[in-house]
Amino acid sequence: MTMAREMNAEVTPAPAPAPEVKGFRIGRDDLVCVGPIMAHSMWLLFSIPIGPALLGTRPLLLSLLRGSVPAMITTGAFARQGSTSLLLALLAPVIITCFPDPFYYWAGMRYGRPIIEYMTGSSPRARRRMERAERLFQRYGALAIFAGYLMPFIPQSVLLLGAGEIRMRFITVAIADLGGMFVYISFYVLLGWFIGTPAKNIAEEISHYGLWLTIALVVVVFVVSFRRAMAAQAPPAE
């Protein structure tokens, strides 16, 4: 970035023309770093319609594919009924939940502050969430990463980007992140375990109307994607 220089009060020779900013060239390392993050986000968005059909019939598979809160709760309820094991219910959502986290850390190391600002864009709400996450991370460090999964209004991605930006030890970040993720998954799976039959019945009722819910969710996904595309093409406000 080109920094503005203060003008001297006295007359000075005309400065040399500023060099042109070269366009950013995306290389292989950039694709390897950012590509999995984008792929993960797109998968979570476009796989929403599979939820209703699998929730009451194959919640363990849904938990494996999406790691959603309803899937984890339902899997816990099914485990209590003996339809699956509690251990599998706890392990199923691990990969999809933590998959992008090392790449966020790497992006923080590779791009620093600009990647955090880029992710928030011009949204005031996203910027407020980012600022909260940064204050939390600056104050508590790895402990904030551990607690990030448990605080819905604090983006875990920003905490991991910040950890990468300051070059926090990866092993420290990994332990804090995995520990928080385990508590997060365990909470919802055990919640389903304790709710038991009522949670299972609700999930089966949702799957009964799965076709209509799937159609509705397809429409929602399409509308959200269209609005995001239009927002990305809109000129910035002056």
Protein backbone atom coordinates (compact mmCIF):
# COMPACT_ATOMS: atom_id res chain seq x y z
CA MET A 1 0.00 0.00 0.00
CA THR A 2 1.20 3.52 -0.85
CA MET A 3 1.36 5.74 2.23
CA ALA A 4 0.40 9.42 1.95
CA ARG A 5 3.20 11.90 2.60
CA GLU A 6 2.77 15.28 4.26
CA MET A 7 3.49 18.31 2.04
CA ASN A 8 6.19 20.70 3.21
CA ALA A 9 5.18 24.32 3.66
CA GLU A 10 8.06 25.60 1.59
CA VAL A 11 8.36 25.17 -2.14
CA THR A 12 10.10 21.95 -3.08
CA PRO A 13 10.92 20.37 -6.39
CA ALA A 14 8.14 18.33 -7.92
CA PRO A 15 8.35 14.73 -6.67
CA ALA A 16 8.98 11.91 -9.02
CA PRO A 17 5.84 10.16 -10.21
CA ALA A 18 4.67 7.40 -7.87
CA PRO A 19 5.27 3.91 -9.21
CA GLU A 20 2.22 2.15 -10.55
CA VAL A 21 0.72 -0.51 -8.32
CA LYS A 22 1.13 -3.82 -9.99
CA GLY A 23 -1.82 -6.17 -10.13
CA PHE A 24 -1.90 -8.98 -7.63
CA ARG A 25 -0.97 -12.24 -9.26
CA ILE A 26 -2.53 -15.34 -7.78
CA GLY A 27 -0.06 -18.17 -7.51
CA ARG A 28 -0.25 -21.81 -6.60
CA ASP A 29 0.38 -21.13 -2.92
CA ASP A 30 -2.52 -18.67 -2.83
CA LEU A 31 -4.87 -21.27 -4.30
CA VAL A 32 -3.69 -23.89 -1.81
CA CYS A 33 -4.11 -21.46 1.08
CA VAL A 34 -7.40 -19.74 0.29
CA GLY A 35 -9.02 -22.36 -1.97
CA PRO A 36 -9.96 -24.78 0.86
CA ILE A 37 -11.52 -21.94 2.86
CA MET A 38 -13.70 -20.90 -0.07
CA ALA A 39 -14.58 -24.51 -0.90
CA HIS A 40 -15.61 -25.17 2.72
CA SER A 41 -17.83 -22.07 2.81
CA MET A 42 -19.47 -22.96 -0.50
CA TRP A 43 -20.08 -26.53 0.64
CA LEU A 44 -21.78 -25.42 3.86
CA LEU A 45 -23.96 -23.02 1.88
CA PHE A 46 -25.00 -25.27 -0.99
CA SER A 47 -25.37 -28.42 1.11
CA ILE A 48 -28.07 -26.85 3.29
CA PRO A 49 -30.89 -28.58 1.31
CA ILE A 50 -29.67 -32.08 2.25
CA GLY A 51 -30.39 -31.38 5.91
CA PRO A 52 -34.13 -32.10 6.18
CA ALA A 53 -33.96 -35.44 4.37
CA LEU A 54 -31.06 -36.80 6.44
CA LEU A 55 -31.84 -35.29 9.84
CA GLY A 56 -34.37 -37.87 10.94
CA THR A 57 -33.10 -40.81 8.92
CA ARG A 58 -29.28 -40.67 8.84
CA PRO A 59 -28.21 -37.96 11.30
CA LEU A 60 -24.74 -39.46 11.72
CA LEU A 61 -24.07 -39.02 7.99
CA LEU A 62 -25.46 -35.47 8.13
CA SER A 63 -23.21 -34.71 11.08
CA LEU A 64 -20.24 -36.04 9.11
CA LEU A 65 -21.10 -34.02 6.00
CA ARG A 66 -22.15 -30.74 7.60
CA GLY A 67 -21.42 -30.77 11.32
CA SER A 68 -24.54 -28.67 11.93
CA VAL A 69 -26.00 -28.14 15.38
CA PRO A 70 -29.32 -29.95 14.59
CA ALA A 71 -27.34 -32.90 13.24
CA MET A 72 -25.18 -33.14 16.36
CA ILE A 73 -28.17 -32.90 18.69
CA THR A 74 -30.10 -35.52 16.73
CA THR A 75 -27.09 -37.84 16.57
CA GLY A 76 -26.81 -37.62 20.35
CA ALA A 77 -30.50 -38.53 20.68
CA PHE A 78 -30.06 -41.49 18.31
CA ALA A 79 -27.03 -42.63 20.32
CA ARG A 80 -29.15 -42.76 23.46
CA GLN A 81 -31.71 -44.90 21.61
CA GLY A 82 -28.93 -47.29 20.56
CA SER A 83 -29.09 -46.47 16.84
CA THR A 84 -25.43 -45.44 16.85
CA SER A 85 -22.60 -45.22 19.35
CA LEU A 86 -21.91 -42.11 21.39
CA LEU A 87 -18.25 -42.20 20.32
CA LEU A 88 -19.21 -42.03 16.63
CA ALA A 89 -21.63 -39.22 17.41
CA LEU A 90 -18.76 -37.24 18.96
CA LEU A 91 -16.26 -37.99 16.19
CA ALA A 92 -18.48 -37.56 13.11
CA PRO A 93 -18.49 -33.74 12.92
CA VAL A 94 -14.78 -33.28 13.73
CA ILE A 95 -13.32 -33.18 10.21
CA ILE A 96 -15.88 -30.87 8.59
CA THR A 97 -15.82 -28.56 11.63
CA CYS A 98 -12.06 -28.06 11.90
CA PHE A 99 -11.15 -28.51 8.22
CA PRO A 100 -10.64 -24.81 7.34
CA ASP A 101 -8.94 -23.80 10.60
CA PRO A 102 -5.29 -24.50 9.62
CA PHE A 103 -5.85 -22.59 6.39
CA TYR A 104 -7.16 -19.55 8.28
CA TYR A 105 -4.01 -19.64 10.40
CA TRP A 106 -1.86 -19.93 7.27
CA ALA A 107 -3.75 -17.06 5.59
CA GLY A 108 -3.06 -14.88 8.63
CA MET A 109 0.65 -15.65 8.34
CA ARG A 110 0.70 -15.15 4.58
CA TYR A 111 -1.42 -12.00 4.17
CA GLY A 112 -1.59 -10.38 7.60
CA ARG A 113 -4.02 -7.60 8.37
CA PRO A 114 -5.33 -7.06 4.80
CA ILE A 115 -6.99 -10.49 4.71
CA ILE A 116 -8.93 -9.70 7.91
CA GLU A 117 -10.17 -6.40 6.49
CA TYR A 118 -11.05 -8.07 3.19
CA MET A 119 -13.20 -10.69 4.93
CA THR A 120 -15.25 -8.05 6.72
CA GLY A 121 -15.76 -6.00 3.56
CA SER A 122 -17.98 -2.93 3.97
CA SER A 123 -20.49 -4.57 6.31
CA PRO A 124 -20.75 -2.63 9.61
CA ARG A 125 -22.02 -5.74 11.37
CA ALA A 126 -19.10 -7.86 10.17
CA ARG A 127 -16.67 -5.11 11.15
CA ARG A 128 -18.11 -4.95 14.68
CA ARG A 129 -17.76 -8.71 15.01
CA MET A 130 -14.19 -8.51 13.77
CA GLU A 131 -13.34 -5.78 16.27
CA ARG A 132 -14.80 -7.81 19.14
CA ALA A 133 -12.79 -10.85 18.06
CA GLU A 134 -9.59 -8.82 17.82
CA ARG A 135 -10.06 -7.29 21.28
CA LEU A 136 -10.72 -10.73 22.74
CA PHE A 137 -7.68 -12.21 21.02
CA GLN A 138 -5.38 -9.37 22.09
CA ARG A 139 -6.44 -9.81 25.69
CA TYR A 140 -6.59 -13.58 26.06
CA GLY A 141 -4.58 -15.05 23.18
CA ALA A 142 -4.86 -18.84 22.92
CA LEU A 143 -7.61 -18.90 25.54
CA ALA A 144 -9.75 -16.81 23.19
CA ILE A 145 -9.21 -19.38 20.43
CA PHE A 146 -10.33 -22.10 22.83
CA ALA A 147 -13.49 -20.17 23.74
CA GLY A 148 -14.21 -18.98 20.20
CA TYR A 149 -16.32 -22.01 19.32
CA LEU A 150 -18.57 -21.33 22.29
CA MET A 151 -19.28 -17.67 21.49
CA PRO A 152 -21.60 -17.31 18.47
CA PHE A 153 -20.86 -13.61 17.93
CA ILE A 154 -17.08 -14.02 17.84
CA PRO A 155 -15.80 -15.36 14.48
CA GLN A 156 -13.36 -18.20 15.06
CA SER A 157 -11.86 -17.41 11.66
CA VAL A 158 -10.74 -13.94 12.79
CA LEU A 159 -9.13 -15.37 15.91
CA LEU A 160 -7.18 -17.86 13.80
CA LEU A 161 -6.20 -15.19 11.28
CA GLY A 162 -4.93 -13.05 14.14
CA ALA A 163 -2.93 -15.96 15.54
CA GLY A 164 -1.31 -16.45 12.16
CA GLU A 165 -0.62 -12.74 11.76
CA ILE A 166 1.40 -12.54 15.00
CA ARG A 167 3.09 -15.90 14.29
CA MET A 168 1.73 -17.65 17.39
CA ARG A 169 3.12 -21.16 17.65
CA PHE A 170 1.05 -23.52 15.54
CA ILE A 171 1.02 -26.26 18.19
CA THR A 172 -0.44 -23.79 20.70
CA VAL A 173 -3.11 -22.70 18.23
CA ALA A 174 -3.93 -26.31 17.30
CA ILE A 175 -4.34 -27.43 20.92
CA ALA A 176 -6.56 -24.45 21.78
CA ASP A 177 -8.63 -24.83 18.62
CA LEU A 178 -9.14 -28.59 18.94
CA GLY A 179 -9.91 -28.29 22.64
CA GLY A 180 -12.59 -25.67 22.03
CA MET A 181 -14.02 -27.67 19.15
CA PHE A 182 -14.27 -30.81 21.31
CA VAL A 183 -16.17 -28.91 24.03
CA TYR A 184 -18.45 -27.40 21.37
CA ILE A 185 -19.28 -30.76 19.77
CA SER A 186 -19.64 -32.52 23.10
CA PHE A 187 -22.11 -29.91 24.35
CA TYR A 188 -24.57 -30.41 21.50
CA VAL A 189 -24.18 -34.18 21.22
CA LEU A 190 -24.70 -34.63 24.97
CA LEU A 191 -27.62 -32.21 24.83
CA GLY A 192 -29.25 -34.53 22.32
CA TRP A 193 -28.35 -37.49 24.52
CA PHE A 194 -30.14 -35.97 27.52
CA ILE A 195 -33.17 -34.82 25.49
CA GLY A 196 -33.47 -38.29 24.00
CA THR A 197 -36.73 -39.36 22.40
CA PRO A 198 -38.31 -35.89 21.93
CA ALA A 199 -35.32 -34.73 19.85
CA LYS A 200 -35.45 -37.92 17.81
CA ASN A 201 -39.19 -37.50 17.17
CA ILE A 202 -38.78 -33.88 16.05
CA ALA A 203 -36.00 -34.87 13.65
CA GLU A 204 -38.11 -37.64 12.17
CA GLU A 205 -41.03 -35.22 11.72
CA ILE A 206 -38.74 -32.79 9.89
CA SER A 207 -37.58 -35.57 7.58
CA HIS A 208 -41.23 -36.50 6.93
CA TYR A 209 -41.67 -33.09 5.31
CA GLY A 210 -38.15 -33.17 3.93
CA LEU A 211 -39.12 -32.65 0.28
CA TRP A 212 -40.96 -29.38 0.91
CA LEU A 213 -38.31 -28.13 3.32
CA THR A 214 -35.62 -29.00 0.81
CA ILE A 215 -37.38 -27.00 -1.91
CA ALA A 216 -37.72 -24.04 0.46
CA LEU A 217 -34.04 -24.23 1.41
CA VAL A 218 -32.99 -24.41 -2.24
CA VAL A 219 -34.88 -21.16 -2.81
CA VAL A 220 -33.22 -19.59 0.24
CA VAL A 221 -29.75 -20.66 -0.89
CA PHE A 222 -30.39 -19.26 -4.36
CA VAL A 223 -31.61 -15.92 -2.98
CA VAL A 224 -28.68 -15.61 -0.57
CA SER A 225 -26.17 -16.45 -3.31
CA PHE A 226 -27.79 -13.97 -5.70
CA ARG A 227 -27.74 -11.17 -3.12
CA ARG A 228 -24.10 -11.83 -2.30
CA ALA A 229 -23.18 -11.75 -5.96
CA MET A 230 -25.04 -8.47 -6.46
CA ALA A 231 -23.41 -6.97 -3.37
CA ALA A 232 -19.97 -7.98 -4.61
CA GLN A 233 -20.61 -6.25 -7.95
CA ALA A 234 -22.04 -3.08 -6.42
CA PRO A 235 -19.70 -0.06 -6.55
CA PRO A 236 -18.33 1.03 -3.17
CA ALA A 237 -20.13 3.87 -1.43
CA GLU A 238 -18.30 7.18 -1.58
